[in-house]
């Protein structure tokens, strides 16, 4: 007669396994490494930025102290201390710090993209007179004569391999126009909000 406790018809082999609530050693190590990296990212930022990050004062002091240390061994020890301090934070505090760091990265990515867009616009202006007419229609406040002179000089600089003085001036002009447009858009949105409040 087959034994009912053996094989598939008996008990499930995992029925008697103990369930562990606490995370594994490797999971803890991963979390510690992540927190250490987060601390390192904060150390690499400017002091002003670190001061604006929402975090407990003792953690901030440890990070600011680490930024001051130039000695390799001393810095390594302080970095470990920062890691230890980071482990005292709860999940919400860590999430807030991570969100702040991510917003810095996002800002610098969008700034870089905006710079590239301005560079492409400048190259278009130098390559095509229609782009110049288009820009002047978009921004009637531009001094047309000054813009045409800048473009002529920039083309001459490129042809003669001279330092790109006018080329840079065009970029600055485009940058100022973009800034003015952004400020105008922001004030238009504010006006819309005020109009809604009046209703």
Protein backbone atom coordinates (compact mmCIF):
# COMPACT_ATOMS: atom_id res chain seq x y z
CA UNK A 1 0.00 0.00 0.00
CA UNK A 2 1.45 3.40 -0.99
CA UNK A 3 2.37 5.74 1.83
CA UNK A 4 -0.03 8.79 1.68
CA UNK A 5 2.63 11.06 3.15
CA UNK A 6 4.92 10.58 0.17
CA UNK A 7 4.86 12.09 -3.28
CA UNK A 8 2.18 14.37 -4.68
CA UNK A 9 -0.71 13.09 -2.60
CA UNK A 10 0.74 13.97 0.83
CA UNK A 11 1.72 17.41 2.12
CA UNK A 12 3.15 20.33 0.20
CA UNK A 13 6.85 20.62 0.84
CA UNK A 14 6.61 24.34 1.61
CA UNK A 15 3.92 23.91 4.27
CA UNK A 16 6.50 23.49 6.99
CA UNK A 17 8.88 26.22 5.83
CA UNK A 18 9.23 29.13 8.19
CA UNK A 19 8.20 32.46 6.73
CA UNK A 20 10.79 35.15 7.35
CA UNK A 21 9.46 38.68 7.66
CA UNK A 22 12.82 40.41 7.65
CA UNK A 23 14.64 41.10 4.35
CA UNK A 24 17.57 38.92 3.26
CA UNK A 25 21.20 39.94 3.84
CA UNK A 26 21.69 40.67 0.14
CA UNK A 27 18.54 42.84 0.10
CA UNK A 28 19.85 44.81 3.10
CA UNK A 29 23.23 45.21 1.40
CA UNK A 30 21.55 46.52 -1.77
CA UNK A 31 19.56 49.04 0.26
CA UNK A 32 22.70 50.17 2.12
CA UNK A 33 24.56 50.62 -1.18
CA UNK A 34 21.65 52.66 -2.62
CA UNK A 35 21.62 54.94 0.43
CA UNK A 36 25.42 55.31 0.24
CA UNK A 37 25.08 56.33 -3.45
CA UNK A 38 22.36 58.82 -2.57
CA UNK A 39 24.65 60.32 0.08
CA UNK A 40 27.48 60.52 -2.49
CA UNK A 41 25.19 62.34 -4.96
CA UNK A 42 24.40 64.92 -2.28
CA UNK A 43 28.09 65.33 -1.42
CA UNK A 44 28.83 66.02 -5.11
CA UNK A 45 26.31 68.91 -5.20
CA UNK A 46 27.00 72.52 -4.23
CA UNK A 47 26.63 73.47 -0.55
CA UNK A 48 23.70 75.78 -1.38
CA UNK A 49 21.80 72.95 -3.03
CA UNK A 50 22.43 70.60 -0.09
CA UNK A 51 21.12 73.24 2.31
CA UNK A 52 17.82 73.36 0.38
CA UNK A 53 17.21 69.59 0.43
CA UNK A 54 14.53 68.54 2.93
CA UNK A 55 16.35 66.26 5.42
CA UNK A 56 17.16 66.01 9.14
CA UNK A 57 19.79 68.48 10.35
CA UNK A 58 22.29 65.82 11.55
CA UNK A 59 22.34 64.19 8.08
CA UNK A 60 22.83 67.58 6.39
CA UNK A 61 25.72 68.42 8.77
CA UNK A 62 27.44 65.09 8.00
CA UNK A 63 27.17 65.78 4.25
CA UNK A 64 28.41 69.39 4.52
CA UNK A 65 31.30 68.20 6.71
CA UNK A 66 32.26 65.57 4.12
CA UNK A 67 32.37 68.26 1.41
CA UNK A 68 35.02 70.14 3.41
CA UNK A 69 37.37 67.15 3.87
CA UNK A 70 40.15 66.96 1.28
CA UNK A 71 42.23 64.11 2.82
CA UNK A 72 41.38 60.84 1.00
CA UNK A 73 41.20 58.58 4.07
CA UNK A 74 39.36 61.16 6.15
CA UNK A 75 36.85 61.68 3.34
CA UNK A 76 36.33 57.92 2.96
CA UNK A 77 35.58 57.59 6.69
CA UNK A 78 33.20 60.57 6.59
CA UNK A 79 31.46 59.10 3.54
CA UNK A 80 30.85 55.90 5.52
CA UNK A 81 29.48 58.03 8.36
CA UNK A 82 27.16 59.77 5.86
CA UNK A 83 26.00 56.30 4.72
CA UNK A 84 25.30 55.36 8.34
CA UNK A 85 23.32 58.59 8.82
CA UNK A 86 21.38 57.96 5.59
CA UNK A 87 20.29 54.57 7.00
CA UNK A 88 18.56 56.35 9.89
CA UNK A 89 16.14 58.02 7.44
CA UNK A 90 12.68 56.60 6.92
CA UNK A 91 11.25 55.80 3.47
CA UNK A 92 9.41 59.13 3.13
CA UNK A 93 12.57 61.15 3.87
CA UNK A 94 14.60 59.09 1.38
CA UNK A 95 11.87 59.51 -1.27
CA UNK A 96 11.88 63.30 -0.74
CA UNK A 97 15.66 63.49 -1.14
CA UNK A 98 15.52 61.29 -4.27
CA UNK A 99 12.74 63.45 -5.74
CA UNK A 100 14.82 66.61 -5.18
CA UNK A 101 17.90 65.07 -6.86
CA UNK A 102 15.75 63.84 -9.78
CA UNK A 103 14.33 67.34 -10.24
CA UNK A 104 17.89 68.71 -10.54
CA UNK A 105 18.69 66.14 -13.19
CA UNK A 106 15.48 66.89 -15.05
CA UNK A 107 16.21 70.60 -14.98
CA UNK A 108 19.71 70.17 -16.36
CA UNK A 109 18.42 67.82 -19.10
CA UNK A 110 15.78 70.32 -20.20
CA UNK A 111 18.36 73.15 -20.05
CA UNK A 112 20.69 71.16 -22.31
CA UNK A 113 17.85 70.42 -24.74
CA UNK A 114 16.92 74.12 -24.84
CA UNK A 115 20.57 75.07 -25.54
CA UNK A 116 20.73 72.58 -28.44
CA UNK A 117 17.47 73.97 -29.86
CA UNK A 118 18.92 77.51 -29.79
CA UNK A 119 22.12 76.30 -31.49
CA UNK A 120 20.06 74.67 -34.27
CA UNK A 121 18.04 77.88 -34.68
CA UNK A 122 21.26 79.90 -34.99
CA UNK A 123 22.65 77.53 -37.64
CA UNK A 124 19.37 77.82 -39.55
CA UNK A 125 19.66 81.63 -39.47
CA UNK A 126 23.16 81.46 -40.95
CA UNK A 127 22.16 78.96 -43.63
CA UNK A 128 18.85 80.43 -44.71
CA UNK A 129 17.60 84.03 -45.16
CA UNK A 130 14.00 82.81 -44.94
CA UNK A 131 14.71 81.79 -41.32
CA UNK A 132 15.82 85.40 -40.63
CA UNK A 133 12.54 86.78 -42.03
CA UNK A 134 10.61 84.19 -39.98
CA UNK A 135 12.43 85.18 -36.77
CA UNK A 136 11.74 88.89 -37.36
CA UNK A 137 8.05 88.15 -37.94
CA UNK A 138 7.99 86.15 -34.71
CA UNK A 139 9.78 88.92 -32.76
CA UNK A 140 8.95 92.34 -34.24
CA UNK A 141 10.96 94.00 -31.45
CA UNK A 142 14.26 92.80 -32.98
CA UNK A 143 16.49 95.44 -34.53
CA UNK A 144 16.52 94.03 -38.09
CA UNK A 145 19.63 95.88 -39.17
CA UNK A 146 21.60 94.73 -36.11
CA UNK A 147 20.51 91.09 -36.66
CA UNK A 148 21.46 91.15 -40.36
CA UNK A 149 24.87 92.66 -39.48
CA UNK A 150 25.47 89.91 -36.86
CA UNK A 151 24.57 87.21 -39.38
CA UNK A 152 26.78 88.74 -42.09
CA UNK A 153 29.71 88.95 -39.62
CA UNK A 154 29.15 85.37 -38.40
CA UNK A 155 29.16 84.06 -41.99
CA UNK A 156 32.37 86.00 -42.65
CA UNK A 157 33.97 84.58 -39.46
CA UNK A 158 33.14 81.04 -40.59
CA UNK A 159 34.45 81.62 -44.12
CA UNK A 160 37.72 83.10 -42.85
CA UNK A 161 38.12 80.77 -39.84
CA UNK A 162 38.09 83.70 -37.43
CA UNK A 163 37.08 83.53 -33.72
CA UNK A 164 33.27 83.19 -33.50
CA UNK A 165 32.43 86.55 -31.87
CA UNK A 166 29.28 87.36 -33.91
CA UNK A 167 28.32 83.67 -33.87
CA UNK A 168 28.20 83.83 -30.04
CA UNK A 169 26.36 87.16 -30.11
CA UNK A 170 23.57 85.60 -32.20
CA UNK A 171 23.28 82.79 -29.64
CA UNK A 172 22.99 85.34 -26.79
CA UNK A 173 20.33 87.25 -28.72
CA UNK A 174 18.30 84.05 -29.28
CA UNK A 175 18.73 83.13 -25.61
CA UNK A 176 17.37 86.53 -24.50
CA UNK A 177 14.43 86.23 -26.91
CA UNK A 178 13.60 82.77 -25.54
CA UNK A 179 13.84 84.09 -21.96
CA UNK A 180 11.56 87.04 -22.77
CA UNK A 181 9.08 84.72 -24.47
CA UNK A 182 9.07 82.36 -21.46
CA UNK A 183 8.54 85.30 -19.09
CA UNK A 184 5.70 86.56 -21.30
CA UNK A 185 4.07 83.11 -21.33
CA UNK A 186 4.34 82.88 -17.54
CA UNK A 187 2.75 86.32 -17.06
CA UNK A 188 -0.04 85.38 -19.52
CA UNK A 189 -0.76 82.27 -17.43
CA UNK A 190 -0.83 84.44 -14.28
CA UNK A 191 -3.33 86.75 -16.00
CA UNK A 192 -5.49 83.74 -16.89
CA UNK A 193 -5.42 82.57 -13.28
CA UNK A 194 -6.39 86.05 -12.06
CA UNK A 195 -9.24 86.17 -14.61
CA UNK A 196 -10.53 82.84 -13.31
CA UNK A 197 -10.36 84.17 -9.74
CA UNK A 198 -12.43 87.21 -10.74
CA UNK A 199 -15.23 85.05 -12.13
